[in-house]
């Protein structure tokens, strides 16, 4: 029973955001298939697919930083709702347009506003949740996201050949349900909390977000590790489908859809278990272990070309690493950055991750076209190893710099 009772005691808004995340991701059918749409429907090769993704990602980069500033300046709930409305309209419109680069661009403009609201969403969760419950709150939100994603990739794979337009429309409509729930039941209200001495000093100095980062070796190590980790993580939606489509030209979309669903199923099954088992483990150690598991999973993918069973073993390793890193990120940043700068720190980390995603996708795309999937996976492993080194440094630096947090934990 403790497996489920660990999520008791959160605020009603946390549960509403949990339900909203389920509904939104139940309709998130386009993003797992975007690489295959560009590759199989539009006719791009791996390099062109990566270039298109990178170019669109470059346009998204300002949204992360701008979204962080907007989140700290305006009502976070209103930011989320207004951005959602624009996204809903554009997603639905893109579904009724003939499939082309133009319709994909309309979809991406809608995605721009989803990116813009990202820091506000993350900061809102931190604001409405007591410090001692934050890791559980972010764990629950992550669990909800993956409950919704269990079926959507498989359904997208089945709709891919003849009813792809319907995926666009469903994506927009699902966001509308979440938007209504947030509008009716979630309030943007900050809880009173006593900051630790380490964080309080940064706030009292009146530093901007860049000064706060520059003065913290732990935050620098975390951002570097997270950026390389997320850059490599993007291969889940880029290199992985290309690898599978090359191995199985006729059934690649269906196989990839089921592998994605397995990822989500494992997240739903193991997130409560891992959250409970690792409850007493330092956040930084969870993060380091998660990054190491990602590196191991990429090595497994490298050795699994054309072996369906190998893909499922690899995705299991990948998923366990994903769980460990995801459940700690929001709580880690919220405890080490003043409340007044939370939106901006989430914006900075999102920016860094998106930037490295572009570099990783371009490099692996070139490797894939020139030398094949093995070299592309080797490149991804190298990127992940940078994240591993920075994560191990973080374990030492964070305990030294934010010692007060560890005293409280003890």
Protein backbone atom coordinates (compact mmCIF):
# COMPACT_ATOMS: atom_id res chain seq x y z
CA UNK A 1 0.00 0.00 0.00
CA UNK A 2 2.92 2.35 0.62
CA UNK A 3 3.53 2.22 -3.11
CA UNK A 4 0.41 4.34 -3.64
CA UNK A 5 0.11 6.07 -0.27
CA UNK A 6 3.44 7.85 -0.90
CA UNK A 7 1.45 10.19 -3.20
CA UNK A 8 -1.08 11.04 -0.47
CA UNK A 9 -0.95 14.46 1.13
CA UNK A 10 -0.38 16.45 -2.05
CA UNK A 11 -2.67 19.37 -2.84
CA UNK A 12 -5.75 19.06 -5.04
CA UNK A 13 -3.99 21.05 -7.77
CA UNK A 14 -1.27 18.37 -7.95
CA UNK A 15 -3.87 15.71 -8.70
CA UNK A 16 -5.60 17.92 -11.27
CA UNK A 17 -2.28 18.46 -13.06
CA UNK A 18 -1.75 14.69 -12.91
CA UNK A 19 -5.11 14.02 -14.61
CA UNK A 20 -4.50 16.79 -17.14
CA UNK A 21 -1.14 15.29 -18.05
CA UNK A 22 -2.75 11.90 -18.65
CA UNK A 23 -5.34 13.34 -21.02
CA UNK A 24 -2.86 15.54 -22.89
CA UNK A 25 -0.40 12.73 -23.54
CA UNK A 26 -3.15 10.27 -24.43
CA UNK A 27 -3.59 12.42 -27.52
CA UNK A 28 0.12 13.13 -28.11
CA UNK A 29 0.33 11.00 -31.23
CA UNK A 30 2.42 13.15 -33.57
CA UNK A 31 5.67 13.58 -31.67
CA UNK A 32 6.67 9.89 -31.44
CA UNK A 33 6.09 9.63 -35.19
CA UNK A 34 7.55 12.94 -36.38
CA UNK A 35 10.84 11.41 -37.55
CA UNK A 36 8.96 8.73 -39.50
CA UNK A 37 6.62 11.35 -40.97
CA UNK A 38 9.57 13.33 -42.30
CA UNK A 39 11.41 10.20 -43.42
CA UNK A 40 8.59 8.05 -44.85
CA UNK A 41 5.83 10.55 -45.75
CA UNK A 42 7.79 13.65 -46.78
CA UNK A 43 10.78 11.71 -48.16
CA UNK A 44 13.67 13.15 -46.13
CA UNK A 45 16.80 11.10 -45.53
CA UNK A 46 18.37 10.88 -42.06
CA UNK A 47 20.53 14.00 -42.50
CA UNK A 48 17.64 16.06 -43.90
CA UNK A 49 15.37 14.85 -41.11
CA UNK A 50 17.96 15.84 -38.51
CA UNK A 51 18.51 19.23 -40.20
CA UNK A 52 14.79 19.98 -40.24
CA UNK A 53 14.51 18.99 -36.59
CA UNK A 54 17.53 21.12 -35.72
CA UNK A 55 16.26 24.17 -37.61
CA UNK A 56 12.89 23.95 -35.89
CA UNK A 57 14.71 23.40 -32.60
CA UNK A 58 16.76 26.57 -33.15
CA UNK A 59 13.52 28.50 -33.51
CA UNK A 60 12.31 26.93 -30.26
CA UNK A 61 15.42 27.92 -28.29
CA UNK A 62 14.26 31.50 -27.53
CA UNK A 63 10.93 30.10 -26.32
CA UNK A 64 12.68 28.38 -23.42
CA UNK A 65 14.42 31.52 -22.17
CA UNK A 66 11.47 33.79 -22.93
CA UNK A 67 9.14 31.31 -21.25
CA UNK A 68 11.27 31.43 -18.12
CA UNK A 69 11.10 35.23 -17.91
CA UNK A 70 7.35 35.23 -18.63
CA UNK A 71 6.77 32.61 -15.93
CA UNK A 72 8.54 34.71 -13.28
CA UNK A 73 6.86 37.95 -14.35
CA UNK A 74 3.24 36.96 -14.97
CA UNK A 75 0.59 34.63 -13.55
CA UNK A 76 1.81 31.13 -14.43
CA UNK A 77 -1.69 29.70 -14.77
CA UNK A 78 -2.66 32.38 -17.29
CA UNK A 79 0.55 31.82 -19.26
CA UNK A 80 -0.28 28.11 -19.55
CA UNK A 81 -3.89 28.71 -20.61
CA UNK A 82 -3.15 31.35 -23.24
CA UNK A 83 -0.34 29.29 -24.77
CA UNK A 84 -2.56 26.21 -24.78
CA UNK A 85 -5.32 28.03 -26.67
CA UNK A 86 -2.94 29.00 -29.47
CA UNK A 87 -1.53 25.46 -29.63
CA UNK A 88 -4.97 23.84 -29.77
CA UNK A 89 -6.09 25.98 -32.70
CA UNK A 90 -2.90 25.39 -34.70
CA UNK A 91 -2.77 21.63 -34.03
CA UNK A 92 -6.34 21.16 -35.25
CA UNK A 93 -5.78 23.35 -38.33
CA UNK A 94 -2.65 21.39 -39.26
CA UNK A 95 -4.69 18.18 -39.26
CA UNK A 96 -7.03 19.46 -41.95
CA UNK A 97 -4.26 20.75 -44.21
CA UNK A 98 -2.70 18.47 -46.86
CA UNK A 99 0.36 16.79 -45.38
CA UNK A 100 3.39 18.84 -46.42
CA UNK A 101 6.23 20.85 -44.97
CA UNK A 102 3.77 23.73 -44.57
CA UNK A 103 1.34 21.69 -42.44
CA UNK A 104 4.26 20.42 -40.34
CA UNK A 105 5.38 24.03 -39.85
CA UNK A 106 1.88 25.01 -38.67
CA UNK A 107 2.11 22.17 -36.17
CA UNK A 108 5.54 23.34 -35.04
CA UNK A 109 4.28 26.89 -34.41
CA UNK A 110 1.74 25.33 -32.08
CA UNK A 111 4.55 23.37 -30.46
CA UNK A 112 6.46 26.65 -30.00
CA UNK A 113 3.75 27.84 -27.64
CA UNK A 114 3.86 24.52 -25.78
CA UNK A 115 7.59 25.09 -25.33
CA UNK A 116 6.93 28.67 -24.21
CA UNK A 117 4.66 27.47 -21.41
CA UNK A 118 7.04 24.73 -20.26
CA UNK A 119 8.95 26.75 -17.61
CA UNK A 120 5.66 28.14 -16.25
CA UNK A 121 4.27 24.61 -15.89
CA UNK A 122 7.37 23.34 -14.09
CA UNK A 123 7.60 26.40 -11.84
CA UNK A 124 3.87 26.19 -11.03
CA UNK A 125 4.31 22.63 -9.75
CA UNK A 126 7.20 23.77 -7.55
CA UNK A 127 5.24 26.80 -6.27
CA UNK A 128 2.09 24.93 -5.23
CA UNK A 129 3.91 22.01 -3.58
CA UNK A 130 5.59 21.97 -0.13
CA UNK A 131 9.34 21.44 -0.35
CA UNK A 132 9.23 18.02 1.32
CA UNK A 133 6.64 16.82 -1.22
CA UNK A 134 8.17 18.18 -4.42
CA UNK A 135 9.93 15.03 -5.53
CA UNK A 136 6.68 13.08 -5.10
CA UNK A 137 4.75 15.79 -6.98
CA UNK A 138 7.11 15.70 -9.96
CA UNK A 139 7.11 11.90 -9.81
CA UNK A 140 3.30 11.87 -9.94
CA UNK A 141 3.25 14.32 -12.86
CA UNK A 142 5.77 12.19 -14.74
CA UNK A 143 3.68 9.10 -13.98
CA UNK A 144 0.58 10.77 -15.42
CA UNK A 145 2.41 11.79 -18.56
CA UNK A 146 3.38 8.21 -19.24
CA UNK A 147 -0.01 6.73 -18.39
CA UNK A 148 -1.31 8.83 -21.27
CA UNK A 149 1.53 7.78 -23.53
CA UNK A 150 1.04 4.03 -23.10
CA UNK A 151 -1.52 3.79 -25.90
CA UNK A 152 -0.89 6.88 -28.03
CA UNK A 153 2.31 5.74 -29.84
CA UNK A 154 0.78 2.37 -30.75
CA UNK A 155 -2.41 4.05 -31.97
CA UNK A 156 -0.29 6.52 -33.94
CA UNK A 157 1.56 3.61 -35.52
CA UNK A 158 -1.75 2.06 -36.59
CA UNK A 159 -3.08 5.39 -37.95
CA UNK A 160 0.21 6.29 -39.61
CA UNK A 161 -0.43 4.89 -43.09
CA UNK A 162 -4.04 5.96 -43.77
CA UNK A 163 -5.34 8.27 -41.05
CA UNK A 164 -2.36 10.37 -40.04
CA UNK A 165 -4.39 13.59 -40.17
CA UNK A 166 -6.48 12.34 -37.26
CA UNK A 167 -3.40 12.25 -35.02
CA UNK A 168 -2.95 16.02 -35.49
CA UNK A 169 -6.55 16.76 -34.53
CA UNK A 170 -6.58 14.44 -31.51
CA UNK A 171 -3.40 16.08 -30.21
CA UNK A 172 -5.08 19.49 -30.20
CA UNK A 173 -8.33 18.31 -28.65
CA UNK A 174 -6.58 16.46 -25.85
CA UNK A 175 -4.73 19.62 -24.81
CA UNK A 176 -8.09 21.42 -24.55
CA UNK A 177 -9.27 19.01 -21.84
CA UNK A 178 -6.16 19.69 -19.76
CA UNK A 179 -6.56 23.43 -20.30
CA UNK A 180 -10.13 23.38 -18.98
CA UNK A 181 -9.08 21.40 -15.90
CA UNK A 182 -6.26 23.82 -15.12
CA UNK A 183 -8.51 26.83 -15.71
CA UNK A 184 -11.20 25.55 -13.34
CA UNK A 185 -9.30 23.87 -10.53
CA UNK A 186 -5.69 25.11 -10.32
CA UNK A 187 -4.70 28.36 -8.62
CA UNK A 188 -1.35 30.07 -9.06
CA UNK A 189 -0.53 30.60 -5.41
CA UNK A 190 2.89 30.34 -3.82
CA UNK A 191 3.35 28.51 -0.54
CA UNK A 192 5.24 30.19 2.26
CA UNK A 193 8.56 28.43 2.80
CA UNK A 194 11.78 29.19 4.63
CA UNK A 195 14.68 29.01 2.18
CA UNK A 196 17.92 27.35 3.19
CA UNK A 197 20.87 29.59 3.96
CA UNK A 198 22.64 28.66 0.72
CA UNK A 199 19.72 29.68 -1.45
CA UNK A 200 18.76 32.67 0.68
CA UNK A 201 22.15 34.29 0.16
CA UNK A 202 21.72 34.17 -3.60
CA UNK A 203 18.32 35.81 -3.33
CA UNK A 204 19.52 38.55 -1.01
CA UNK A 205 22.36 39.52 -3.33
CA UNK A 206 19.85 40.53 -6.00
CA UNK A 207 21.63 38.41 -8.61
CA UNK A 208 20.12 37.63 -11.99
CA UNK A 209 19.80 34.01 -13.10
CA UNK A 210 23.12 34.01 -14.96
CA UNK A 211 24.95 35.30 -11.88
CA UNK A 212 23.31 32.63 -9.73
CA UNK A 213 24.46 29.93 -12.15
CA UNK A 214 27.95 31.39 -12.56
CA UNK A 215 28.47 31.44 -8.79
CA UNK A 216 27.41 27.81 -8.33
CA UNK A 217 29.70 24.99 -9.41
CA UNK A 218 26.95 22.49 -8.62
CA UNK A 219 24.43 24.22 -10.91
CA UNK A 220 27.01 24.46 -13.70
CA UNK A 221 27.80 20.74 -13.41
CA UNK A 222 24.09 19.89 -13.34
CA UNK A 223 23.26 22.00 -16.40
CA UNK A 224 26.18 20.54 -18.39
CA UNK A 225 25.25 16.98 -17.45
CA UNK A 226 21.54 17.54 -18.05
CA UNK A 227 22.19 19.19 -21.43
CA UNK A 228 24.30 16.29 -22.72
CA UNK A 229 21.89 13.78 -21.18
CA UNK A 230 18.86 15.38 -22.85
CA UNK A 231 20.77 15.80 -26.09
CA UNK A 232 21.40 12.07 -26.14
CA UNK A 233 17.88 11.35 -24.84
CA UNK A 234 16.46 12.91 -28.01
CA UNK A 235 17.70 9.83 -29.90
CA UNK A 236 14.60 8.13 -28.52
CA UNK A 237 12.60 10.07 -31.10
CA UNK A 238 15.31 10.51 -33.75
CA UNK A 239 17.95 7.78 -34.14
CA UNK A 240 15.87 4.99 -32.66
CA UNK A 241 13.02 5.13 -35.24
CA UNK A 242 15.55 5.54 -38.07
CA UNK A 243 17.43 2.48 -36.80
CA UNK A 244 14.25 0.40 -36.57
CA UNK A 245 12.91 1.61 -39.95
CA UNK A 246 16.21 0.64 -41.59
CA UNK A 247 16.07 -2.82 -40.04
CA UNK A 248 12.36 -3.32 -40.73
CA UNK A 249 11.32 -1.16 -43.72
CA UNK A 250 7.71 -2.39 -43.86
CA UNK A 251 6.83 -2.62 -40.18
CA UNK A 252 9.18 -0.06 -38.67
CA UNK A 253 6.47 2.39 -37.59
CA UNK A 254 4.46 -0.30 -35.80
CA UNK A 255 7.51 -1.80 -34.08
CA UNK A 256 8.71 1.61 -32.97
CA UNK A 257 5.21 2.47 -31.73
CA UNK A 258 5.10 -0.67 -29.58
CA UNK A 259 8.61 -0.01 -28.22
CA UNK A 260 7.52 3.50 -27.27
CA UNK A 261 4.43 2.09 -25.57
CA UNK A 262 6.62 -0.38 -23.65
CA UNK A 263 8.71 2.58 -22.47
CA UNK A 264 5.58 4.29 -21.15
CA UNK A 265 4.22 1.07 -19.62
CA UNK A 266 7.48 0.51 -17.73
CA UNK A 267 7.44 4.11 -16.53
CA UNK A 268 3.91 3.69 -15.17
CA UNK A 269 4.76 0.36 -13.54
CA UNK A 270 8.13 1.27 -12.04
CA UNK A 271 7.97 5.01 -11.26
CA UNK A 272 6.14 4.47 -7.93
CA UNK A 273 8.46 1.56 -7.08
CA UNK A 274 11.68 3.42 -7.91
CA UNK A 275 10.43 6.59 -6.19
CA UNK A 276 9.80 4.59 -3.01
CA UNK A 277 12.98 2.48 -3.11
CA UNK A 278 15.24 5.47 -3.76
CA UNK A 279 13.38 7.85 -1.44
CA UNK A 280 16.33 8.20 0.95
CA UNK A 281 18.99 8.38 -1.79
CA UNK A 282 20.48 11.82 -2.52
CA UNK A 283 19.00 13.53 -5.58
CA UNK A 284 22.41 13.83 -7.20
CA UNK A 285 23.15 10.12 -6.81
CA UNK A 286 19.81 9.26 -8.44
CA UNK A 287 20.70 11.53 -11.31
CA UNK A 288 24.17 10.02 -11.78
CA UNK A 289 22.79 6.47 -11.78
CA UNK A 290 20.12 7.44 -14.31
CA UNK A 291 22.68 8.93 -16.69
CA UNK A 292 24.89 5.84 -16.39
CA UNK A 293 21.92 3.61 -17.26
CA UNK A 294 21.29 5.73 -20.36
CA UNK A 295 24.85 5.12 -21.53
CA UNK A 296 24.46 1.37 -20.98
CA UNK A 297 21.13 1.34 -22.87
CA UNK A 298 22.70 3.06 -25.88
CA UNK A 299 25.43 0.42 -25.95
CA UNK A 300 22.66 -2.20 -25.92
CA UNK A 301 20.90 -0.47 -28.84
CA UNK A 302 24.17 -0.45 -30.76
CA UNK A 303 24.36 -4.25 -30.44
CA UNK A 304 20.65 -4.87 -31.16
CA UNK A 305 20.26 -3.83 -34.81
CA UNK A 306 17.56 -6.01 -36.38
CA UNK A 307 16.97 -7.95 -33.14
CA UNK A 308 13.51 -7.12 -31.83
CA UNK A 309 14.15 -8.70 -28.42
CA UNK A 310 17.31 -6.61 -28.08
CA UNK A 311 15.32 -3.44 -28.70
CA UNK A 312 12.98 -4.26 -25.81
CA UNK A 313 15.85 -5.02 -23.41
CA UNK A 314 17.54 -1.78 -24.45
CA UNK A 315 14.41 0.30 -23.94
CA UNK A 316 13.98 -1.21 -20.46
CA UNK A 317 17.47 -0.03 -19.44
CA UNK A 318 16.78 3.35 -21.05
CA UNK A 319 13.50 3.66 -19.14
CA UNK A 320 14.95 2.91 -15.71
CA UNK A 321 17.55 5.63 -16.29
CA UNK A 322 14.85 8.00 -17.48
CA UNK A 323 12.78 7.45 -14.34
CA UNK A 324 15.68 8.14 -11.99
CA UNK A 325 16.67 11.39 -13.71
CA UNK A 326 13.18 12.74 -14.30
CA UNK A 327 11.76 12.38 -10.81
CA UNK A 328 14.59 14.42 -9.27
CA UNK A 329 15.09 17.31 -11.70
CA UNK A 330 12.26 19.61 -10.60
CA UNK A 331 12.89 19.11 -6.88
CA UNK A 332 16.65 19.59 -7.32
CA UNK A 333 16.31 22.95 -9.07
CA UNK A 334 13.49 24.24 -6.85
CA UNK A 335 15.60 23.67 -3.73
CA UNK A 336 18.74 25.36 -5.10
CA UNK A 337 17.38 28.46 -6.82
CA UNK A 338 15.34 31.26 -5.19
CA UNK A 339 11.58 31.11 -5.79
CA UNK A 340 11.77 34.39 -7.71
CA UNK A 341 14.02 32.75 -10.33
CA UNK A 342 12.40 29.32 -10.72
CA UNK A 343 10.81 30.02 -14.07
CA UNK A 344 14.11 31.27 -15.44
CA UNK A 345 16.19 28.33 -14.20
CA UNK A 346 13.74 25.92 -15.83
CA UNK A 347 13.97 28.04 -18.98
CA UNK A 348 17.78 27.89 -18.94
CA UNK A 349 17.89 24.11 -18.44
CA UNK A 350 15.29 23.59 -21.17
CA UNK A 351 17.32 25.84 -23.48
CA UNK A 352 20.55 23.96 -22.79
CA UNK A 353 18.86 20.61 -23.37
CA UNK A 354 17.24 21.74 -26.62
CA UNK A 355 20.56 23.14 -27.86
CA UNK A 356 22.37 19.88 -27.26
CA UNK A 357 19.53 17.93 -28.86
CA UNK A 358 20.20 19.78 -32.09
CA UNK A 359 23.92 19.01 -31.97
CA UNK A 360 23.33 15.34 -31.14
CA UNK A 361 20.69 14.85 -33.82
CA UNK A 362 22.78 16.53 -36.49
CA UNK A 363 25.89 14.54 -35.59
CA UNK A 364 24.08 11.22 -35.41
CA UNK A 365 22.14 11.97 -38.61
CA UNK A 366 25.35 12.56 -40.51
CA UNK A 367 26.89 9.44 -39.01
CA UNK A 368 23.78 7.40 -39.87
CA UNK A 369 23.78 8.42 -43.55
CA UNK A 370 27.54 8.19 -44.01
CA UNK A 371 28.45 5.10 -41.98
CA UNK A 372 25.28 3.45 -40.65
CA UNK A 373 23.48 3.13 -37.31
CA UNK A 374 26.43 1.64 -35.39
CA UNK A 375 28.52 4.80 -35.75
CA UNK A 376 25.48 6.96 -34.93
CA UNK A 377 24.94 5.03 -31.69
CA UNK A 378 28.66 5.27 -30.85
CA UNK A 379 28.45 9.05 -31.26
CA UNK A 380 25.43 9.11 -28.92
CA UNK A 381 27.28 7.05 -26.33
CA UNK A 382 30.16 9.54 -26.43
CA UNK A 383 27.72 12.39 -25.76
CA UNK A 384 26.23 10.49 -22.84
CA UNK A 385 29.66 9.86 -21.32
CA UNK A 386 30.17 13.62 -21.02
CA UNK A 387 26.93 13.68 -19.02
CA UNK A 388 28.18 10.81 -16.84
CA UNK A 389 31.42 12.64 -15.96
CA UNK A 390 29.58 15.88 -15.12
CA UNK A 391 27.00 13.96 -13.06
CA UNK A 392 29.73 12.32 -10.97
CA UNK A 393 31.28 15.76 -10.39
CA UNK A 394 27.84 17.03 -9.34
CA UNK A 395 27.60 14.45 -6.54
CA UNK A 396 30.69 15.97 -4.89
CA UNK A 397 30.09 19.65 -5.70
CA UNK A 398 26.46 19.72 -4.59
CA UNK A 399 27.12 18.22 -1.17
CA UNK A 400 29.93 20.71 -0.64
CA UNK A 401 28.01 23.78 -1.83
CA UNK A 402 24.50 23.04 -0.52
CA UNK A 403 25.52 21.32 2.70
CA UNK A 404 22.52 22.74 4.55
CA UNK A 405 20.15 20.69 2.39
CA UNK A 406 21.97 17.51 3.35
CA UNK A 407 21.83 18.39 7.05
CA UNK A 408 18.06 18.80 6.73
CA UNK A 409 17.79 15.50 4.87
CA UNK A 410 19.69 13.73 7.64
